Structures are given as structure tokens and as C-alpha cells.
Protein backbone atom coordinates (compact mmCIF):
# COMPACT_ATOMS: atom_id res chain seq x y z
CA MET A 1 90.04 49.04 -21.43
CA ASP A 2 89.31 44.92 -20.57
CA LYS A 3 92.20 42.66 -19.57
CA LYS A 4 92.54 39.31 -19.04
CA VAL A 5 93.82 38.66 -15.40
CA GLU A 6 94.27 35.19 -15.80
CA HIS A 7 97.04 35.73 -17.58
CA ARG A 8 98.69 38.35 -15.60
CA PRO A 9 102.38 39.25 -16.66
CA GLU A 10 103.85 39.13 -13.64
CA ASP A 11 102.69 35.76 -12.42
CA ALA A 12 104.41 34.38 -15.93
CA PRO A 13 108.13 32.52 -14.94
CA GLY A 14 110.49 34.98 -14.62
CA ALA A 15 108.98 38.35 -14.43
CA LYS A 16 110.85 39.00 -11.67
CA ASN A 17 113.72 39.14 -13.90
CA LEU A 18 112.83 40.58 -16.65
CA VAL A 19 114.86 43.09 -18.31
CA LYS A 20 112.93 45.97 -19.87
CA PRO A 21 112.22 50.00 -19.14
CA TYR A 22 109.38 50.92 -17.37
CA SER A 23 109.07 47.59 -16.05
CA GLY A 24 106.61 48.23 -12.99
CA TYR A 25 103.34 46.97 -14.03
CA GLU A 26 104.93 43.35 -15.25
CA LYS A 27 106.72 43.64 -11.40
CA ASN A 28 103.83 44.44 -9.41
CA HIS A 29 102.83 41.30 -7.95
CA VAL A 30 104.33 40.64 -4.58
CA PRO A 31 104.71 36.81 -3.77
CA ALA A 32 104.05 35.29 -0.19
CA HIS A 33 107.18 35.30 1.79
CA ASP A 34 108.82 31.96 3.09
CA PRO A 35 106.46 30.70 6.20
CA LEU A 36 108.72 27.86 7.08
CA LEU A 37 111.88 29.52 8.05
CA THR A 38 110.06 33.20 9.13
CA GLU A 39 106.81 32.00 11.24
CA THR A 40 108.06 31.19 14.96
CA ASP A 41 104.34 31.05 16.50
CA ALA A 42 103.54 27.83 18.48
CA ASP A 43 102.78 24.86 16.21
CA THR A 44 104.56 26.07 13.27
CA PRO A 45 107.55 24.05 12.10
CA MET A 46 110.29 26.95 13.17
CA GLY A 47 108.42 28.07 16.06
CA GLU A 48 108.96 24.47 17.22
CA TYR A 49 112.77 24.06 15.99
CA MET A 50 113.23 27.79 18.33
CA ARG A 51 111.55 26.09 21.48
CA ARG A 52 114.21 23.76 22.03
CA PHE A 53 117.24 26.43 22.24
CA TRP A 54 117.79 28.89 24.97
CA HIS A 55 117.29 31.96 24.00
CA PRO A 56 117.74 35.99 25.63
CA ILE A 57 114.33 37.16 26.62
CA CYS A 58 115.40 40.49 28.15
CA MET A 59 118.12 42.24 30.10
CA SER A 60 118.28 41.95 33.42
CA GLU A 61 117.99 45.75 34.42
CA GLU A 62 114.11 45.11 32.57
CA LEU A 63 113.44 42.95 35.98
CA THR A 64 112.51 45.57 38.58
CA ASP A 65 110.39 45.77 41.84
CA THR A 66 106.95 45.17 39.19
CA PRO A 67 106.81 42.39 36.46
CA HIS A 68 108.00 42.75 32.87
CA TYR A 69 105.36 41.78 29.96
CA LEU A 70 107.13 41.14 26.92
CA VAL A 71 106.06 38.83 23.64
CA PHE A 72 108.71 36.45 22.45
CA LEU A 73 108.24 33.55 19.69
CA GLY A 74 104.29 35.11 19.30
CA GLU A 75 103.61 34.25 23.09
CA GLU A 76 102.55 36.92 25.85
CA LEU A 77 104.69 36.58 28.73
CA VAL A 78 105.96 37.84 32.05
CA ALA A 79 109.02 37.49 33.57
CA PHE A 80 110.09 38.98 36.84
CA ARG A 81 112.75 38.51 39.54
CA ASP A 82 110.78 37.83 43.43
CA LYS A 83 112.31 39.01 46.35
CA SER A 84 114.26 35.56 47.20
CA GLY A 85 116.14 36.61 43.62
CA GLU A 86 114.88 33.72 41.45
CA VAL A 87 113.71 34.49 37.95
CA GLY A 88 110.70 33.14 36.65
CA VAL A 89 109.01 33.37 33.30
CA LEU A 90 105.40 32.99 33.09
CA HIS A 91 102.21 32.84 30.26
CA ALA A 92 101.15 36.78 30.77
CA HIS A 93 97.62 35.57 31.76
CA CYS A 94 96.67 33.86 34.95
CA CYS A 95 95.00 30.38 34.81
CA HIS A 96 92.23 31.48 36.73
CA ARG A 97 90.12 34.41 34.83
CA GLY A 98 93.18 35.12 32.32
CA ALA A 99 94.10 38.69 33.91
CA SER A 100 97.50 39.80 32.81
CA LEU A 101 100.34 39.22 35.96
CA GLU A 102 102.14 42.09 33.95
CA TYR A 103 100.42 43.93 37.11
CA GLY A 104 100.93 41.20 39.77
CA MET A 105 102.84 41.56 43.07
CA ILE A 106 105.86 40.07 43.35
CA GLN A 107 106.44 37.89 46.24
CA GLU A 108 108.81 36.70 48.48
CA LYS A 109 108.40 33.49 46.70
CA GLY A 110 106.44 33.99 43.18
CA ILE A 111 104.10 36.22 42.38
CA MET A 112 100.26 37.13 43.27
CA CYS A 113 97.76 37.59 40.23
CA SER A 114 96.36 41.35 41.35
CA TYR A 115 93.06 40.32 40.50
CA HIS A 116 92.28 37.73 43.09
CA GLY A 117 95.38 36.84 45.14
CA TRP A 118 96.66 33.20 43.48
CA VAL A 119 100.18 33.36 44.10
CA TYR A 120 102.53 31.31 41.34
CA ASP A 121 106.25 29.86 42.07
CA VAL A 122 108.25 30.89 39.22
CA ASP A 123 107.49 27.10 38.09
CA GLY A 124 104.07 27.77 37.70
CA THR A 125 103.23 25.47 40.92
CA CYS A 126 100.21 27.40 42.16
CA LEU A 127 101.14 28.34 45.66
CA GLU A 128 97.85 30.01 46.99
CA VAL A 129 94.63 30.26 46.32
CA PRO A 130 92.48 32.68 48.81
CA ALA A 131 88.95 31.40 50.50
CA PRO A 132 86.58 32.95 52.23
CA THR A 133 86.53 31.69 55.90
CA GLY A 134 85.12 28.20 56.38
CA GLU A 135 86.43 27.34 52.75
CA GLU A 136 90.19 26.72 53.51
CA GLU A 137 90.40 23.11 52.82
CA GLU A 138 88.11 23.56 50.03
CA ALA A 139 90.54 25.74 48.11
CA GLU A 140 93.75 24.15 49.13
CA LYS A 141 92.59 20.88 47.03
CA PHE A 142 91.89 22.86 44.39
CA ARG A 143 95.06 24.73 44.40
CA LYS A 144 97.03 21.20 43.75
CA SER A 145 95.10 20.79 40.43
CA VAL A 146 95.86 24.04 38.72
CA CYS A 147 99.29 25.21 37.37
CA GLN A 148 100.38 28.32 35.58
CA GLY A 149 102.36 27.81 32.34
CA ALA A 150 106.06 28.39 32.93
CA TYR A 151 109.20 28.66 31.09
CA LYS A 152 112.71 27.27 32.86
CA ALA A 153 115.06 30.90 33.51
CA PHE A 154 118.26 31.81 34.30
CA GLU A 155 120.43 34.58 34.33
CA ARG A 156 123.87 35.11 33.06
CA HIS A 157 125.85 38.27 32.74
CA GLY A 158 122.93 40.69 32.72
CA LEU A 159 120.78 38.60 30.22
CA VAL A 160 117.76 36.70 30.96
CA PHE A 161 117.50 33.66 29.70
CA ALA A 162 114.28 31.86 28.89
CA TYR A 163 114.03 27.61 27.36
CA MET A 164 110.33 27.51 25.97
CA GLY A 165 110.30 23.82 25.04
CA PRO A 166 109.64 20.26 26.68
CA ALA A 167 110.79 21.50 30.37
CA GLU A 168 112.58 17.39 29.90
CA GLU A 169 114.18 18.26 26.67
CA ALA A 170 116.06 21.19 27.59
CA PRO A 171 119.80 20.90 26.54
CA PRO A 172 122.33 22.10 28.87
CA PHE A 173 123.20 26.01 28.06
CA PRO A 174 126.42 26.37 25.38
CA GLU A 175 129.09 27.61 27.27
CA TRP A 176 130.36 29.53 24.10
CA GLU A 177 131.92 32.41 26.00
CA SER A 178 134.58 30.16 26.90
CA ASP A 179 138.38 31.22 27.67
CA PHE A 180 139.45 30.55 24.35
CA SER A 181 136.80 32.85 23.30
CA VAL A 182 136.86 35.76 25.32
CA HIS A 183 139.76 36.36 27.78
CA PRO A 184 138.81 36.16 31.37
CA ASP A 185 139.96 39.56 32.48
CA ASP A 186 137.53 41.11 29.45
CA GLU A 187 133.84 41.93 30.36
CA LEU A 188 130.53 40.69 28.77
CA VAL A 189 128.40 43.85 28.91
CA PRO A 190 125.05 42.83 27.29
CA PHE A 191 122.76 45.11 25.00
CA SER A 192 119.37 44.45 23.62
CA ASN A 193 118.33 46.15 20.42
CA PHE A 194 114.71 46.43 19.07
CA GLN A 195 113.80 45.80 15.10
CA HIS A 196 111.03 46.26 13.10
CA CYS A 197 111.26 43.28 11.22
CA ASN A 198 111.35 39.66 10.95
CA TRP A 199 113.68 37.51 12.59
CA LEU A 200 115.99 36.37 9.46
CA GLN A 201 116.36 39.45 7.69
CA VAL A 202 117.95 40.53 10.80
CA GLN A 203 120.19 37.01 11.06
CA ASP A 204 120.15 37.32 7.25
CA ASN A 205 122.53 40.41 7.80
CA ALA A 206 125.12 38.96 9.67
CA ALA A 207 126.62 36.68 7.00
CA ASP A 208 125.64 39.64 5.15
CA GLN A 209 129.90 40.86 5.17
CA TYR A 210 129.83 42.68 1.92
CA HIS A 211 127.25 45.92 3.02
CA HIS A 212 130.24 47.27 5.40
CA ILE A 213 131.38 49.96 2.42
CA PRO A 214 128.82 51.58 0.86
CA LEU A 215 126.57 50.87 4.51
CA HIS A 216 129.25 52.30 6.73
CA THR A 217 131.94 54.02 5.04
CA THR A 218 129.69 56.75 3.01
CA ALA A 219 126.87 58.88 3.00
CA VAL A 220 123.90 59.62 1.24
CA VAL A 221 124.36 63.24 1.48
CA PRO A 222 128.11 64.04 2.16
CA GLY A 223 128.60 65.42 5.31
CA HIS A 224 126.18 63.64 7.37
CA GLU A 225 128.46 60.18 7.87
CA GLN A 226 126.42 58.12 10.52
CA GLY A 227 128.35 57.86 13.99
CA THR A 228 130.69 54.78 13.16
CA THR A 229 133.97 52.87 13.69
CA PHE A 230 134.11 51.44 10.47
CA GLY A 231 136.18 53.15 7.94
CA GLU A 232 137.78 55.47 10.60
CA ALA A 233 141.44 56.19 10.35
CA GLY A 234 142.11 53.18 12.67
CA ALA A 235 140.29 50.58 10.80
CA ALA A 236 141.19 51.02 7.83
CA PRO A 237 140.81 47.77 6.31
CA TYR A 238 137.34 47.57 6.63
CA LEU A 239 137.44 50.40 3.64
CA VAL A 240 138.62 47.12 1.46
CA ARG A 241 136.03 45.15 -0.23
CA PRO A 242 136.63 41.57 1.32
CA ASP A 243 137.04 38.11 -0.78
CA LEU A 244 133.98 36.35 1.15
CA GLN A 245 134.10 32.28 1.68
CA PHE A 246 131.48 30.39 3.74
CA PHE A 247 131.82 26.92 4.97
CA PRO A 248 129.82 24.50 6.88
CA VAL A 249 130.99 23.25 10.47
CA HIS A 250 130.14 21.47 12.95
CA ASN A 251 128.35 18.76 10.99
CA GLY A 252 125.87 21.29 9.28
CA THR A 253 124.97 22.57 12.57
CA GLY A 254 126.78 26.54 11.64
CA MET A 255 128.62 27.91 9.35
CA ALA A 256 131.79 29.96 9.70
CA TRP A 257 132.79 32.70 6.55
CA THR A 258 136.08 34.59 6.06
CA SER A 259 136.65 37.97 4.60
CA SER A 260 140.08 38.36 3.57
CA ARG A 261 141.43 41.65 2.79
CA ARG A 262 144.96 43.27 2.62
CA VAL A 263 146.09 45.63 4.93
CA ASP A 264 149.37 46.32 2.98
CA ASP A 265 152.10 44.58 0.39
CA GLU A 266 153.10 42.49 4.11
CA LYS A 267 149.71 41.52 5.94
CA ILE A 268 146.43 40.57 5.30
CA PHE A 269 143.74 40.93 7.31
CA ILE A 270 141.46 37.73 7.46
CA ARG A 271 138.13 38.03 9.93
CA VAL A 272 136.37 34.72 10.75
CA ASN A 273 132.78 34.94 11.70
CA HIS A 274 130.90 32.54 13.00
CA GLN A 275 126.95 31.42 13.07
CA ALA A 276 125.42 28.82 15.03
CA LEU A 277 121.30 27.15 14.57
CA PRO A 278 119.28 28.57 14.83
CA ASN A 279 119.84 32.31 15.46
CA LEU A 280 123.55 32.74 17.30
CA SER A 281 126.18 35.00 15.58
CA PHE A 282 129.80 35.35 16.73
CA HIS A 283 131.45 38.49 15.78
CA SER A 284 135.30 39.07 15.90
CA TYR A 285 137.05 42.06 16.82
CA LEU A 286 135.21 44.58 14.66
CA PHE A 287 137.76 47.84 15.41
CA GLU A 288 140.90 46.26 14.07
CA ASP A 289 143.52 48.20 12.76
CA GLY A 290 145.59 45.57 10.85
CA THR A 291 148.80 47.58 11.56
CA GLU A 292 150.39 44.45 14.15
CA LYS A 293 150.72 40.79 13.12
CA LYS A 294 147.90 38.94 15.16
CA HIS A 295 147.59 35.32 14.69
CA PHE A 296 144.03 35.49 16.65
CA SER A 297 141.62 37.62 18.58
CA ARG A 298 138.89 36.29 20.64
CA LEU A 299 135.22 36.72 20.17
CA HIS A 300 133.59 40.55 20.28
CA MET A 301 130.57 40.05 20.42
CA ILE A 302 127.76 37.18 20.74
CA ARG A 303 124.79 37.59 19.65
CA TRP A 304 120.96 36.21 19.71
CA THR A 305 118.66 36.92 16.66
CA VAL A 306 115.50 36.48 18.85
CA SER A 307 111.62 36.30 17.17
CA VAL A 308 109.28 38.41 18.99
CA ASP A 309 106.46 37.97 16.50
CA ASP A 310 106.78 37.20 13.07
CA THR A 311 107.24 41.27 12.17
CA ASN A 312 109.17 41.91 15.17
CA SER A 313 112.64 40.80 16.40
CA LYS A 314 115.82 41.50 18.72
CA MET A 315 119.19 41.81 18.44
CA ILE A 316 120.29 40.70 21.53
CA GLY A 317 123.54 39.38 23.68
CA TRP A 318 126.81 40.37 24.79
CA ARG A 319 129.78 42.83 23.77
CA VAL A 320 133.02 41.93 24.70
CA VAL A 321 134.73 44.87 26.26
CA GLY A 322 138.21 45.12 27.85
CA LYS A 323 141.79 45.50 26.91
CA ASN A 324 142.48 41.99 25.77
CA ILE A 325 140.20 42.47 22.91
CA ASP A 326 140.30 45.89 22.38
CA PRO A 327 143.70 47.12 23.10
CA ARG A 328 143.50 50.65 21.45
CA GLU A 329 140.36 51.31 23.63
CA VAL A 330 138.12 52.05 20.57
CA GLY A 331 134.92 50.75 22.34
CA THR A 332 132.49 52.96 24.42
CA LYS A 333 131.36 50.79 27.71
CA HIS A 334 128.40 53.19 28.63
CA LEU A 335 127.16 53.33 25.16
CA ILE A 336 126.01 49.31 25.51
CA GLY A 337 123.07 48.58 26.89
CA TYR A 338 119.11 49.21 26.00
CA GLU A 339 118.19 50.53 22.71
CA THR A 340 121.55 51.52 22.24
CA ILE A 341 125.13 50.03 21.23
CA ASP A 342 128.84 51.92 20.59
CA PHE A 343 129.84 50.65 17.14
CA LEU A 344 127.23 52.07 14.78
CA GLU A 345 125.02 54.80 15.14
CA GLY A 346 122.36 53.10 12.79
CA GLN A 347 122.16 49.76 14.36
CA VAL A 348 119.36 50.97 16.44
CA ALA A 349 115.54 52.05 16.10
CA MET A 350 115.90 55.54 17.45
CA ARG A 351 119.35 57.85 16.60
CA ARG A 352 120.30 60.05 19.37
CA PRO A 353 122.31 62.77 19.24
CA GLU A 354 123.18 62.92 22.35
CA ARG A 355 124.27 59.27 22.77
CA ALA A 356 126.61 59.81 25.82
CA THR A 357 123.92 60.66 27.98
CA TYR A 358 122.36 56.68 27.18
CA GLY A 359 123.51 53.27 28.67
CA GLN A 360 123.18 53.98 31.65
CA GLY A 361 119.62 53.18 32.95
CA GLU A 362 117.39 55.61 30.70
CA LYS A 363 114.83 53.41 28.64
CA PRO A 364 113.62 55.79 25.39
CA PRO A 365 110.16 54.52 23.96
CA ILE A 366 110.44 52.18 21.56
CA PRO A 367 108.91 53.82 18.11
CA LYS A 368 106.51 51.51 16.36
CA ASP A 369 107.46 52.54 13.02
CA HIS A 370 111.05 53.44 11.63
CA ARG A 371 109.29 56.59 10.24
CA ASP A 372 107.91 57.37 13.78
CA ARG A 373 110.75 59.84 15.00
CA ASP A 374 112.39 63.59 14.48
CA CYS A 375 115.46 61.81 13.41
CA TYR A 376 113.81 60.11 10.80
CA LYS A 377 115.67 62.71 7.77
CA ASP A 378 119.10 61.83 9.86
CA ALA A 379 118.81 58.44 8.65
CA GLN A 380 118.16 58.78 5.22
CA TYR A 381 121.71 61.19 5.12
CA ALA A 382 123.24 58.07 6.23
CA PRO A 383 121.14 54.83 6.51
CA GLY A 384 122.17 51.83 8.94
CA ASP A 385 121.54 48.55 9.04
CA TYR A 386 118.45 49.24 10.72
CA GLU A 387 117.15 51.28 8.11
CA VAL A 388 118.25 48.98 5.44
CA ILE A 389 116.70 45.32 7.15
CA ILE A 390 113.36 46.56 8.61
CA THR A 391 112.68 48.28 5.19
CA GLN A 392 113.04 44.59 3.14
CA ARG A 393 109.43 44.45 4.13
CA PRO A 394 107.81 43.21 7.81
CA ILE A 395 108.54 40.19 6.34
CA ALA A 396 111.14 39.86 3.49
CA VAL A 397 110.21 38.13 0.15
CA HIS A 398 112.79 35.91 -0.57
CA ALA A 399 111.19 35.31 -4.73
CA LEU A 400 112.05 38.44 -5.39
CA GLU A 401 115.57 38.30 -4.24
CA ARG A 402 118.36 38.27 -7.17
CA PRO A 403 121.22 37.11 -5.15
CA MET A 404 125.12 37.10 -6.70
CA LYS A 405 128.21 35.43 -5.14
CA ALA A 406 129.00 37.85 -2.37
CA ASP A 407 125.61 36.50 -0.80
CA GLY A 408 126.31 33.24 0.09
CA GLY A 409 126.66 33.62 3.34
CA VAL A 410 122.76 34.22 3.53
CA TYR A 411 121.46 31.84 1.79
CA LEU A 412 124.18 28.69 3.04
CA PHE A 413 122.53 29.44 6.30
CA ARG A 414 119.63 29.38 4.96
CA LYS A 415 119.86 25.97 3.91
CA LEU A 416 121.22 25.03 7.21
CA LEU A 417 117.95 26.05 9.01
CA ARG A 418 115.78 24.61 6.12
CA GLU A 419 117.31 21.37 6.51
CA ALA A 420 117.63 21.10 10.28
CA VAL A 421 113.73 22.03 10.42
CA ASN A 422 112.59 19.78 7.68
CA GLY A 423 114.87 16.81 9.08
CA GLY A 424 117.68 17.04 5.90
CA ASN A 425 119.79 16.92 8.39
CA LYS A 426 120.09 14.69 11.62
CA ASP A 427 123.16 16.23 13.21
CA ALA A 428 120.97 19.73 13.59
CA ALA A 429 117.70 17.95 14.97
CA PRO A 430 117.25 19.72 18.76
CA GLU A 431 118.29 16.05 20.39
CA ALA A 432 121.25 15.23 18.17
CA ILE A 433 122.47 19.20 19.14
CA ARG A 434 121.82 18.38 22.90
CA GLU A 435 124.00 15.10 22.72
CA TRP A 436 126.93 17.19 21.03
CA LEU A 437 126.59 20.01 23.81
CA LYS A 438 126.79 17.44 26.49
CA SER A 439 129.72 15.40 24.42
CA VAL A 440 131.94 18.49 25.13
CA ASN A 441 130.35 19.45 28.74
CA ALA A 442 128.76 22.30 27.00
CA THR A 443 131.43 24.51 26.43
CA PRO A 444 131.70 24.38 22.43
CA ASN A 445 134.57 26.48 20.63
CA SER A 446 133.59 29.05 18.53
CA TYR A 447 135.17 29.54 14.84
CA CYS A 448 134.95 33.44 15.41
CA SER A 449 138.65 34.92 15.02
CA GLY A 450 140.72 37.13 13.61
CA HIS A 451 143.82 37.18 12.15
CA VAL A 452 146.30 40.06 10.84
CA LEU A 453 149.07 37.72 8.94
CA GLU A 454 152.31 38.43 7.39
CA VAL A 455 152.15 36.97 3.52
CA PRO A 456 153.06 38.88 1.03
CA ALA A 457 151.84 40.17 -2.02
CA ALA A 458 151.76 37.95 -5.17
CA GLU A 459 152.58 39.44 -8.39
CA THR A 460 149.80 39.25 -10.30
CA LEU A 461 145.87 40.23 -9.36
CA GLU A 462 145.00 36.34 -9.97
CA ASP A 463 147.60 34.63 -7.71
CA GLU A 464 146.84 37.67 -5.24
CA VAL A 465 143.13 36.61 -5.31
CA LYS A 466 143.92 32.91 -5.34
CA ARG A 467 146.68 33.41 -2.12
CA ARG A 468 143.98 35.24 -0.02
CA ARG A 469 141.40 32.58 -0.51
CA ASP A 470 144.13 29.36 -0.05
CA VAL A 471 145.08 31.47 2.83
CA ALA A 472 141.72 31.51 4.54
CA ARG A 473 141.28 28.35 3.25
CA ALA A 474 144.04 27.16 5.71
CA VAL A 475 142.93 29.56 8.62
CA ILE A 476 139.63 27.52 8.91
CA ASP A 477 141.27 23.91 8.02
CA VAL A 478 143.58 25.23 11.91
CA LEU A 479 140.07 26.29 13.79
CA HIS A 480 138.67 23.25 12.20
CA ASP A 481 141.44 20.82 13.61
CA SER A 482 141.66 22.18 16.68
CA ASP A 483 138.09 22.17 17.28
CA GLU A 484 139.18 19.43 19.89
CA LEU A 485 141.07 21.36 22.44
CA LYS A 486 140.18 23.60 24.91
CA GLY A 487 142.11 27.15 26.15
CA ALA A 488 145.52 27.56 26.25
CA GLU A 489 146.41 24.31 24.36
CA ARG A 490 143.59 25.38 21.76
CA THR A 491 145.35 28.92 21.66
CA LYS A 492 148.84 27.29 21.40
CA MET A 493 147.76 25.57 18.31
CA VAL A 494 146.57 27.71 16.11
CA THR A 495 149.00 30.29 16.60
CA ALA A 496 152.22 27.52 15.86
CA ARG A 497 149.93 26.52 12.78
CA LEU A 498 149.56 29.70 12.07
CA GLU A 499 153.06 30.50 12.05
CA GLU A 500 153.40 27.91 9.76
CA ILE A 501 151.30 29.11 7.07
CA GLU A 502 153.14 32.62 6.83
CA LYS A 503 156.49 30.66 6.66
CA THR A 504 155.50 28.79 3.84
CA VAL A 505 153.73 31.50 1.16
CA ARG A 506 156.83 33.37 2.50
């Protein structure tokens, strides 16, 4: 049967929204992904923007007695710790003849290419070019004319951070983990979880708070529930569908959102999470049971979604462990680490029934595909974040999406990203954020917090919805008004203002 391909129905306006039984043919065309927000190689708009910020590139435990090869923002790199304790992040290919420094020899100072013996310092300076006897002077002169590509790097709380932009434009490292956000007696435990898809759909998931109930508290096949702390008896509020609101903060360089749930007739649980450009997310207490009044709880997780290349990424950051953030001690420290996390079985690529033995140095291989493992059936029985995120395609196609109101956070953060990259928000330009960080002594305040407030239920459903939203907005106002304060002073103000809100509602 002849067909006029110049008028394919899927190319017609609204074809993706066609409401018609058996409409697969009309919807079989997959448009291109959004290159502006998803592609991060050098010379791409997002790639150039990303390179103006500090990012964690690996865990400190991955720097051993041999160099660590990695790909980050599409670049092949080698990270190492020399014998003096300095951390280096260099271009992987030696500038002499291109051999990979992943087979280099770590020196007291720097690293030596094993092919011809050239030695580079952590800043890329060439320290030595070996030469035959009698040609030392010529080799020394040549040494001063070459330099290996290198990036600024340092270690903190078990993570290795790198800055991959122009060295003279490096911003101060933002101390988000200040004493208001993380109690000084609690511990920052590093983790790194590989994701086989584009970075943005992983970041999108952080702002998608509505998926907790269908994804984390149920199983496709009953009896096969995944290992998770969501929905257990000690986390009952997460069984209630949240009322969500989203707010740009810090002059459009970030977004805070509230998820409000009623615990009982006298208390509501308001969880405030926070995202900051370009790829940071802050998560409040994951195991809240709502039984005790709480005017705030601090950060429970700080996470970067970093781009390995356009179709691979990592969730890498810190989980906060200790009795101040987790008084019931629900978290499990030894399950936090390389390719593992303690709160959700389906957060990482590999399902491991013997989880209790992991997180103590063993590093299982990362599968090349989400079906390339023996536990694929387990994932089908009870999928987790990992499965639903990577199966949105290697790079999610935004043009095919059908968003609802609850997806507002995903779309707001994409909007903030787009404005930052294309110059639509001057406050989100890298140089503006750099100056802002300097003005706050590199210790910005996060909006991330958790609140269990004594707010009685309203008499009607309409009034109850309004009450939850009004109180959540009031919480955001309090966090905004206290943004100039630090530590105990900010804690005191937040507590006092929230007590006033409780009195006003009662």
C-alpha cells in the first residue's frame, strides 16, 4: 500500500496527545531530546555552565596505589593521590604521545607516565622529561615548554571534588553543610551510585515527590516489596499523598518545595527539600514518623547529580548519620558507600540480597545495562528509582511528556536551568553565583528542613487543603526571612516563628 510520507500523522501538531484506541502508529515517532539541558560535553552550553562549579567526581576510597580512570562531563580523566597526599585530576592522555595515565606510576610528587617516564605534578606542570646522557640540557629546556591538562581538586568527607572551568574563575567551594544544616556531632558519610542515563532525568527525580507512594510503598507483585524505609511502620506519613508547592529561592538560583501531609487530627508533617543550580539537591529527614512535634530537622542527604557523559551519570554525595538527625537510628551506616545506599534497594544498579556485607570496601562491577544482571526479575517485581529513571530512554525526550500539576518542581527547575544557561537570569550566571558565595563567606543557607507542627485539622476538605498550603508557605517565608542568620541564631528565629504559626492556626 502506497503512503505519502511527507504527511506522516505523527508529525502533525498534537499527534502525541491524540486520544484514540490503538493509536501506536500515529505516535511511533520519537522526537529529539533537548540538547540545551541534557548535553554536557565541552563547548556545549550546559557543559560550559557546569564547568564553572565544583563537582564531586569520585569517592576518596577510589584513590588507591594506582591511578583512577574516570569520565566526567565527557572528558577522559585520571584522578590520583600522590605519596605526599596531594590530589591530582589530569587529562587521561599524556601530552607526549597519548598513552593513558591510568597506567602511570604514582610518585612522591605527581605521577609518571609509564610509557616514556614523563612526570607531571598535580597542577599539570611537567616535572621531568628523561633524556639520554648528554641531552639533559635540551630535555630540561623542552620540559619547561609542555604542560599536562589538569584541574583544581581537593578531598572532603570522603569525596574528591574538581573544578573544570578556567582556573582563574574558580568560585569558593560552597559550605552547604554548615552547622545549621548539619549538626556538628553527626557524620557525613559519602556514597556514589552510577546511573545508566542522562544526568537531567536523575536530577528531575529529586523534584518529583509524588512518586513515593506508588513506587516505594508497593510492589508490582505482592510479596516482593523492595527493601525500603518508606512506608514502613516507622515512616507512616509517607503513606499519605503529599500536597506539593514549589518556590524559586536565592534569586532564581535554586528551588525549594514543600510536601505537606497530615499525620493525625492534631499534627501535620511539612517536608522542605531544596535544589541549587546546576545539579545539587538537599533532602530532609527520610525516616520521619511524625509522632513527635519538631520545629525543624537538618539535612539528611546532600547529593550532586553529575554527568559522566550524555547517557551516563552518578548520584554522588553525603548521607548524614547520627542521633541528632536520626534519633531512632533507622539508617545503616555500613550500607552507605560505593554502589549502595541504606534507604532504598532500588536506588542503585545492582540488587544485592547480601547487602549486609557491602559498603565495607568491596566494589562490585557496574553492569553495562539495567538488564545485565541476575536480579532483573527482582527489579520487575518491585522497581525502584533506578529502573524508572533509566528506562525513560538514555536521554529523556521532554517533547513526549504529559505533565500534571504535581510535576511542577521538575518543570520549574528545568526553567531555572534554561534561564541560567541562556542568560535569562543574570543572578544565575556563574560569575554572579561566585560573587554571592563570597558575600556569604561561602556558607549559604539551605532551605531544606523537616517540620512536624501542631496544626489541627480543618472542618472541611477545602479548608484543610488551604490550611496545609498556607502553613507550608508560611514555613518557606520563615526560612527566607532567616536566610541572613547563621547557626544557633537562625535556629532560634526559625523555632520562634514556627511556634507563632502554630498559635495562630490554633
